[in-house]
Amino acid sequence: MKILHFLFFCFLSGAAVQVEAKHNIWSAAEGGNASFVCYLTLSGSTKFFCKEKCERAEDILIKTDGSTAQSGRYSMKYKDGSPGRGIVSATFTHMIKSDSGMYRCALGRPSVPDSNYDFEVRVSNDLGKRVGFYRTQTEGDNITLGCSNTVYGQRKFFCKNQCKNEGEILIDTSNDKSVSGRYSIEYRPVSTFGLYATITQLTKSDTGEYSCGYGNPLSPDSYSSVNVLVIHALNTTASPLQTATQMASNPPAFTLQTKATQSESVTARVSTHCPDSSWLLVVRASLDGVLLMAVFLMLCYINKTRRNFGLNTRENDTNMEFQLFAAHDSLDPTSEHKEPNRSGTKPALLKTKI
């Protein structure tokens, strides 16, 4: 039983590893341009932008010690953020289907980065001519969005679309935390973005543009926006196991917006030293194999035990029948007074003297 408890713990640990390996997904329209910002936990001199595992030379799209660089359809900008932090902006132009895949923007060495942000890009022609990245999430999930590059104010808001009328305002509050149905907003001092907005139990109708910031929602002092795309669970390869806590620990951020111009970039918070998920899958497969082997051995043991028990039962039944037969024969009064018939004639009764 202790072995089963241990194996069950290992199986659940493997599932937890898969959940932790969940990555952010950004969708963009084929032929469009899209940008995003990576907020890294460190500052550094060498910056790079790469695809897939970043192990081969052809995986490195851009690598520079400067503040700006461009290579073909990709460009990158770097600036120092708050003390000890770096901000990398990466841009795709004229996106094509083959741009779909895993990406990384980071500081340091590609093989062992000092600080990095890993994410998945999906290029689709279903988005029409829309421009920019869409934070992609599965129906039923929760999502927490960070309001980047905003200036603090007492009044806080969260709204859908462009906040042009009262019906588009989801939350308008002066409190540090407010909840309205599936929507909430919270101010977190000494955090990466300060202001965060959350939507729980996402549905397809939640697809759209969202804004959050400070001041009057209809005439904000400072705000930022992000596009959200909610897809059906069968259309994504990502694990459906995700909680609001996980999203809050690595939320996508809103894009800096102004009243005059609408930026097309989407920002995202960094996850430092993101592990390669391939070895996690190997560990999970190994644990599943151990569990299956344990179950097989247990079934063999139970089957063998039942077979031995059946043999012992039949042997005991045979011995019992023999003993009963012997006892019956010894107790039969006619057998004790009959002389064995050796001549084939009627047996003679034995006479005894009294």
Protein backbone atom coordinates (compact mmCIF):
# COMPACT_ATOMS: atom_id res chain seq x y z
CA MET A 1 0.00 0.00 0.00
CA LYS A 2 2.89 2.36 0.77
CA ILE A 3 4.33 1.68 -2.68
CA LEU A 4 0.98 2.58 -4.27
CA HIS A 5 0.85 5.83 -2.29
CA PHE A 6 4.36 6.70 -3.46
CA LEU A 7 3.57 5.92 -7.11
CA PHE A 8 0.33 7.91 -6.92
CA PHE A 9 2.31 10.87 -5.56
CA CYS A 10 4.78 10.55 -8.43
CA PHE A 11 1.93 10.48 -10.95
CA LEU A 12 0.40 13.65 -9.50
CA SER A 13 3.83 15.29 -9.40
CA GLY A 14 4.21 14.59 -13.12
CA ALA A 15 0.85 16.25 -13.77
CA ALA A 16 1.93 19.26 -11.72
CA VAL A 17 5.09 19.56 -13.81
CA GLN A 18 2.98 19.72 -16.95
CA VAL A 19 0.88 22.47 -15.48
CA GLU A 20 3.97 24.50 -14.56
CA ALA A 21 5.24 24.11 -18.11
CA LYS A 22 2.19 25.96 -19.43
CA HIS A 23 3.30 28.83 -21.69
CA ASN A 24 1.71 32.01 -22.99
CA ILE A 25 0.22 31.93 -26.48
CA TRP A 26 0.00 34.91 -28.83
CA SER A 27 -1.96 34.79 -32.09
CA ALA A 28 -1.53 37.09 -35.08
CA ALA A 29 -3.05 37.47 -38.53
CA GLU A 30 -1.19 36.17 -41.57
CA GLY A 31 0.34 39.09 -43.47
CA GLY A 32 0.07 41.46 -40.51
CA ASN A 33 2.62 43.15 -38.27
CA ALA A 34 2.82 42.52 -34.54
CA SER A 35 5.01 43.62 -31.64
CA PHE A 36 5.37 42.72 -27.99
CA VAL A 37 7.46 43.79 -25.01
CA CYS A 38 9.33 41.42 -22.70
CA TYR A 39 9.88 42.70 -19.16
CA LEU A 40 13.02 40.93 -17.95
CA THR A 41 14.08 40.63 -14.33
CA LEU A 42 17.69 41.65 -15.06
CA SER A 43 19.51 44.20 -17.18
CA GLY A 44 22.37 43.22 -19.44
CA SER A 45 24.52 44.07 -22.44
CA THR A 46 23.91 41.08 -24.74
CA LYS A 47 20.33 40.76 -25.98
CA PHE A 48 18.93 38.12 -28.30
CA PHE A 49 15.72 37.00 -29.92
CA CYS A 50 15.48 33.39 -31.08
CA LYS A 51 13.10 30.63 -32.18
CA GLU A 52 12.48 27.10 -30.87
CA LYS A 53 15.21 25.83 -28.46
CA CYS A 54 17.79 28.48 -29.46
CA GLU A 55 20.49 25.77 -29.68
CA ARG A 56 21.46 26.15 -33.35
CA ALA A 57 22.94 29.18 -35.08
CA GLU A 58 19.94 29.40 -37.43
CA ASP A 59 17.63 29.61 -34.41
CA ILE A 60 19.12 32.97 -33.38
CA LEU A 61 17.10 35.65 -35.18
CA ILE A 62 18.79 38.68 -33.58
CA LYS A 63 21.75 39.02 -31.24
CA THR A 64 23.23 42.40 -30.32
CA ASP A 65 25.06 44.39 -27.67
CA GLY A 66 23.43 47.59 -28.85
CA SER A 67 20.03 49.09 -28.07
CA THR A 68 18.48 48.40 -31.51
CA ALA A 69 18.92 45.72 -34.19
CA GLN A 70 17.13 44.38 -37.25
CA SER A 71 17.40 41.20 -39.30
CA GLY A 72 15.02 40.69 -42.21
CA ARG A 73 11.42 40.77 -40.98
CA TYR A 74 12.47 40.91 -37.32
CA SER A 75 13.60 43.90 -35.25
CA MET A 76 14.41 44.42 -31.59
CA LYS A 77 14.82 47.37 -29.22
CA TYR A 78 16.19 47.43 -25.69
CA LYS A 79 15.98 49.90 -22.84
CA ASP A 80 16.62 49.83 -19.12
CA GLY A 81 13.51 49.64 -17.00
CA SER A 82 13.25 50.02 -13.25
CA PRO A 83 16.54 49.49 -11.40
CA GLY A 84 17.95 46.06 -12.23
CA ARG A 85 15.42 45.30 -14.98
CA GLY A 86 15.52 45.29 -18.77
CA ILE A 87 12.81 45.76 -21.42
CA VAL A 88 13.10 44.08 -24.84
CA SER A 89 10.68 45.00 -27.64
CA ALA A 90 10.47 42.58 -30.58
CA THR A 91 8.55 43.14 -33.82
CA PHE A 92 7.39 40.82 -36.64
CA THR A 93 6.49 42.26 -40.07
CA HIS A 94 4.49 40.59 -42.85
CA MET A 95 3.88 37.50 -40.77
CA ILE A 96 3.66 34.12 -42.54
CA LYS A 97 2.40 30.69 -41.44
CA SER A 98 5.94 29.41 -40.86
CA ASP A 99 6.39 32.09 -38.17
CA SER A 100 4.29 29.87 -35.91
CA GLY A 101 6.36 28.27 -33.15
CA MET A 102 8.11 28.85 -29.85
CA TYR A 103 10.16 32.02 -29.27
CA ARG A 104 12.42 33.51 -26.63
CA CYS A 105 13.66 37.01 -25.92
CA ALA A 106 16.42 37.14 -23.34
CA LEU A 107 19.64 38.56 -21.96
CA GLY A 108 22.98 36.77 -21.71
CA ARG A 109 23.82 33.58 -23.60
CA PRO A 110 21.24 31.76 -25.76
CA SER A 111 22.10 28.37 -24.24
CA VAL A 112 21.90 29.56 -20.62
CA PRO A 113 20.21 32.99 -20.51
CA ASP A 114 20.42 35.21 -17.46
CA SER A 115 16.80 36.29 -17.86
CA ASN A 116 14.27 35.27 -20.49
CA TYR A 117 10.64 35.19 -21.59
CA ASP A 118 9.39 32.16 -23.58
CA PHE A 119 6.13 32.18 -25.53
CA GLU A 120 4.30 30.61 -28.47
CA VAL A 121 3.23 32.40 -31.64
CA ARG A 122 0.33 31.17 -33.81
CA VAL A 123 -0.20 32.71 -37.22
CA SER A 124 -3.72 32.32 -38.58
CA ASN A 125 -5.72 33.55 -41.55
CA ASP A 126 -8.89 33.38 -39.42
CA LEU A 127 -8.07 36.77 -37.87
CA GLY A 128 -8.64 38.59 -41.15
CA LYS A 129 -6.68 41.82 -41.49
CA ARG A 130 -6.36 42.47 -37.78
CA VAL A 131 -3.06 43.95 -36.69
CA GLY A 132 -1.12 43.07 -33.55
CA PHE A 133 -0.89 40.11 -31.23
CA TYR A 134 -3.87 38.57 -29.47
CA ARG A 135 -3.36 37.01 -26.05
CA THR A 136 -4.84 33.57 -26.74
CA GLN A 137 -6.71 31.70 -24.02
CA THR A 138 -8.97 28.64 -23.86
CA GLU A 139 -12.64 28.73 -22.91
CA GLY A 140 -13.16 28.19 -19.19
CA ASP A 141 -9.72 29.53 -18.25
CA ASN A 142 -9.00 32.60 -16.12
CA ILE A 143 -6.72 35.39 -17.33
CA THR A 144 -4.95 38.18 -15.45
CA LEU A 145 -3.72 41.17 -17.45
CA GLY A 146 -1.13 43.68 -16.28
CA CYS A 147 -1.55 47.39 -17.10
CA SER A 148 1.94 48.41 -18.22
CA ASN A 149 3.47 51.87 -18.43
CA THR A 150 0.62 53.57 -16.61
CA VAL A 151 0.92 56.45 -14.12
CA TYR A 152 -0.74 55.87 -10.75
CA GLY A 153 -3.97 57.61 -9.90
CA GLN A 154 -6.63 57.20 -7.22
CA ARG A 155 -9.43 56.30 -9.66
CA LYS A 156 -9.02 53.00 -11.50
CA PHE A 157 -11.00 51.41 -14.33
CA PHE A 158 -11.29 48.29 -16.49
CA CYS A 159 -13.34 48.28 -19.70
CA LYS A 160 -13.92 46.41 -22.94
CA ASN A 161 -13.47 47.84 -26.42
CA GLN A 162 -12.44 51.53 -26.40
CA CYS A 163 -14.38 52.83 -23.38
CA LYS A 164 -16.42 55.23 -25.51
CA ASN A 165 -19.65 54.77 -23.53
CA GLU A 166 -20.86 53.68 -20.10
CA GLY A 167 -21.91 50.25 -21.36
CA GLU A 168 -18.29 49.31 -22.12
CA ILE A 169 -17.05 50.09 -18.58
CA LEU A 170 -16.65 46.87 -16.56
CA ILE A 171 -15.23 48.39 -13.35
CA ASP A 172 -14.82 51.99 -12.17
CA THR A 173 -13.52 52.32 -8.61
CA SER A 174 -11.36 54.29 -6.19
CA ASN A 175 -10.55 51.19 -4.14
CA ASP A 176 -7.35 49.20 -4.50
CA LYS A 177 -9.43 46.09 -5.22
CA SER A 178 -12.89 45.70 -6.76
CA VAL A 179 -14.93 42.78 -8.16
CA SER A 180 -17.92 42.84 -10.49
CA GLY A 181 -19.19 39.42 -11.60
CA ARG A 182 -16.43 37.68 -13.56
CA TYR A 183 -14.31 40.85 -13.70
CA SER A 184 -11.96 42.28 -11.08
CA ILE A 185 -9.24 44.89 -10.77
CA GLU A 186 -6.49 45.15 -8.16
CA TYR A 187 -3.67 47.55 -7.40
CA ARG A 188 -0.53 45.78 -6.14
CA PRO A 189 2.18 48.10 -4.80
CA VAL A 190 5.80 47.21 -5.57
CA SER A 191 4.89 44.90 -8.46
CA THR A 192 5.90 44.81 -12.13
CA PHE A 193 2.79 46.55 -13.49
CA GLY A 194 1.08 47.91 -10.38
CA LEU A 195 -2.46 47.54 -11.71
CA TYR A 196 -3.94 44.16 -12.76
CA ALA A 197 -7.29 43.16 -14.26
CA THR A 198 -8.73 39.62 -14.21
CA ILE A 199 -11.46 37.80 -16.13
CA THR A 200 -12.62 34.40 -14.85
CA GLN A 201 -14.37 31.55 -16.70
CA LEU A 202 -13.64 32.91 -20.17
CA THR A 203 -16.17 32.43 -22.98
CA LYS A 204 -15.92 33.00 -26.73
CA SER A 205 -17.83 36.26 -26.30
CA ASP A 206 -14.94 37.62 -24.18
CA THR A 207 -12.82 37.95 -27.33
CA GLY A 208 -12.01 41.61 -27.92
CA GLU A 209 -9.94 44.60 -26.85
CA TYR A 210 -9.57 45.51 -23.17
CA SER A 211 -8.21 48.62 -21.46
CA CYS A 212 -7.33 49.47 -17.89
CA GLY A 213 -5.77 52.49 -16.25
CA TYR A 214 -6.29 55.52 -14.05
CA GLY A 215 -8.69 58.44 -14.15
CA ASN A 216 -12.08 58.80 -15.80
CA PRO A 217 -12.64 55.80 -18.13
CA LEU A 218 -14.23 58.04 -20.78
CA SER A 219 -11.31 60.49 -20.59
CA PRO A 220 -8.45 58.61 -18.88
CA ASP A 221 -5.28 60.14 -17.52
CA SER A 222 -3.23 57.01 -18.27
CA TYR A 223 -4.23 53.66 -19.71
CA SER A 224 -3.07 50.69 -21.78
CA SER A 225 -4.80 48.05 -23.92
CA VAL A 226 -4.50 44.43 -25.03
CA ASN A 227 -6.37 42.19 -27.46
CA VAL A 228 -7.73 38.90 -26.09
CA LEU A 229 -8.71 35.92 -28.25
CA VAL A 230 -10.71 33.11 -26.60
CA ILE A 231 -10.65 29.81 -28.47
CA HIS A 232 -12.39 26.46 -28.06
CA ALA A 233 -10.52 23.87 -25.99
CA LEU A 234 -10.24 21.50 -28.99
CA ASN A 235 -8.38 24.14 -31.02
CA THR A 236 -5.40 24.48 -28.73
CA THR A 237 -2.52 22.17 -27.90
CA ALA A 238 -2.00 23.82 -24.55
CA SER A 239 -2.99 21.98 -21.38
CA PRO A 240 -6.43 23.00 -20.06
CA LEU A 241 -5.12 22.77 -16.50
CA GLN A 242 -4.51 26.39 -15.56
CA THR A 243 -5.56 28.46 -12.61
CA ALA A 244 -5.90 32.13 -11.83
CA THR A 245 -2.86 31.87 -9.54
CA GLN A 246 -0.64 30.71 -12.40
CA MET A 247 -1.90 33.45 -14.70
CA ALA A 248 -1.31 36.05 -12.01
CA SER A 249 2.30 34.90 -11.56
CA ASN A 250 3.05 35.43 -15.27
CA PRO A 251 0.32 37.69 -16.68
CA PRO A 252 0.22 39.20 -20.15
CA ALA A 253 0.37 42.97 -19.92
CA PHE A 254 -1.56 45.72 -21.60
CA THR A 255 0.00 47.87 -24.31
CA LEU A 256 0.77 51.51 -23.78
CA GLN A 257 -1.87 53.66 -25.49
CA THR A 258 -2.42 57.39 -25.92
CA LYS A 259 -5.53 59.32 -26.87
CA ALA A 260 -3.99 60.42 -30.16
CA THR A 261 -2.34 57.21 -31.38
CA GLN A 262 -3.04 53.52 -30.86
CA SER A 263 0.10 51.38 -30.51
CA GLU A 264 -0.12 47.87 -31.98
CA SER A 265 2.33 46.21 -29.63
CA VAL A 266 1.42 43.81 -26.84
CA THR A 267 3.51 43.45 -23.71
CA ALA A 268 4.15 40.44 -21.55
CA ARG A 269 5.72 39.85 -18.21
CA VAL A 270 8.95 37.87 -18.05
CA SER A 271 9.34 34.37 -16.65
CA THR A 272 12.97 33.92 -15.66
CA HIS A 273 14.88 30.75 -16.55
CA CYS A 274 11.94 29.01 -18.14
CA PRO A 275 12.77 25.28 -18.34
CA ASP A 276 12.74 23.34 -21.57
CA SER A 277 9.50 21.32 -21.51
CA SER A 278 10.92 18.36 -23.49
CA TRP A 279 12.73 16.80 -20.54
CA LEU A 280 9.61 17.29 -18.42
CA LEU A 281 7.68 15.14 -20.87
CA VAL A 282 10.37 12.45 -20.62
CA VAL A 283 10.10 12.48 -16.81
CA ARG A 284 6.32 12.24 -17.04
CA ALA A 285 6.51 9.31 -19.47
CA SER A 286 8.96 7.51 -17.17
CA LEU A 287 6.69 7.98 -14.16
CA ASP A 288 3.69 6.72 -16.12
CA GLY A 289 5.71 3.64 -17.14
CA VAL A 290 6.65 2.91 -13.52
CA LEU A 291 3.01 3.22 -12.47
CA LEU A 292 1.81 0.85 -15.21
CA MET A 293 4.52 -1.69 -14.30
CA ALA A 294 3.51 -1.55 -10.63
CA VAL A 295 -0.14 -2.16 -11.52
CA PHE A 296 0.83 -5.08 -13.78
CA LEU A 297 2.95 -6.70 -11.06
CA MET A 298 0.17 -6.27 -8.54
CA LEU A 299 -2.36 -7.91 -10.85
CA CYS A 300 0.05 -10.84 -11.40
CA TYR A 301 0.51 -11.19 -7.65
CA ILE A 302 -3.27 -11.16 -7.01
CA ASN A 303 -3.85 -13.74 -9.79
CA LYS A 304 -1.11 -16.02 -8.44
CA THR A 305 -2.51 -15.71 -4.91
CA ARG A 306 -5.99 -16.67 -6.10
CA ARG A 307 -4.63 -19.65 -8.07
CA ASN A 308 -2.66 -20.97 -5.05
CA PHE A 309 -5.69 -20.48 -2.86
CA GLY A 310 -7.80 -22.54 -5.31
CA LEU A 311 -5.29 -25.39 -5.37
CA ASN A 312 -5.09 -25.46 -1.57
CA THR A 313 -8.87 -25.48 -1.36
CA ARG A 314 -9.22 -28.43 -3.75
CA GLU A 315 -6.49 -30.38 -1.90
CA ASN A 316 -8.20 -29.77 1.43
CA ASP A 317 -11.54 -30.89 -0.05
CA THR A 318 -9.94 -34.14 -1.33
CA ASN A 319 -8.37 -34.87 2.07
CA MET A 320 -11.66 -34.19 3.75
CA GLU A 321 -13.54 -36.56 1.43
CA PHE A 322 -10.96 -39.30 2.03
CA GLN A 323 -11.20 -38.87 5.79
CA LEU A 324 -14.99 -38.93 5.67
CA PHE A 325 -14.95 -42.07 3.54
CA ALA A 326 -12.56 -43.79 5.92
CA ALA A 327 -14.62 -42.76 8.91
CA HIS A 328 -17.80 -43.93 7.26
CA ASP A 329 -16.26 -47.30 6.39
CA SER A 330 -15.00 -47.82 9.90
CA LEU A 331 -18.34 -46.95 11.42
CA ASP A 332 -20.47 -49.18 9.08
CA PRO A 333 -21.78 -52.08 11.36
CA THR A 334 -22.17 -54.49 8.48
CA SER A 335 -18.55 -54.19 7.45
CA GLU A 336 -17.31 -55.12 10.91
CA HIS A 337 -19.32 -58.46 10.95
CA LYS A 338 -18.84 -59.67 7.41
CA GLU A 339 -16.23 -62.15 6.41
CA PRO A 340 -14.53 -61.37 3.16
CA ASN A 341 -16.05 -63.28 0.24
CA ARG A 342 -13.15 -65.11 -1.33
CA SER A 343 -15.00 -68.14 -2.76
CA GLY A 344 -17.82 -66.34 -4.56
CA THR A 345 -20.55 -67.87 -2.26
CA LYS A 346 -22.72 -65.96 0.15
CA PRO A 347 -20.70 -64.60 2.98
CA ALA A 348 -21.18 -66.28 6.32
CA LEU A 349 -21.95 -64.27 9.37
CA LEU A 350 -19.33 -64.45 12.11
CA LYS A 351 -20.58 -65.82 15.37
CA THR A 352 -19.21 -64.82 18.65
CA LYS A 353 -19.54 -66.41 22.03
CA ILE A 354 -21.30 -64.56 24.72
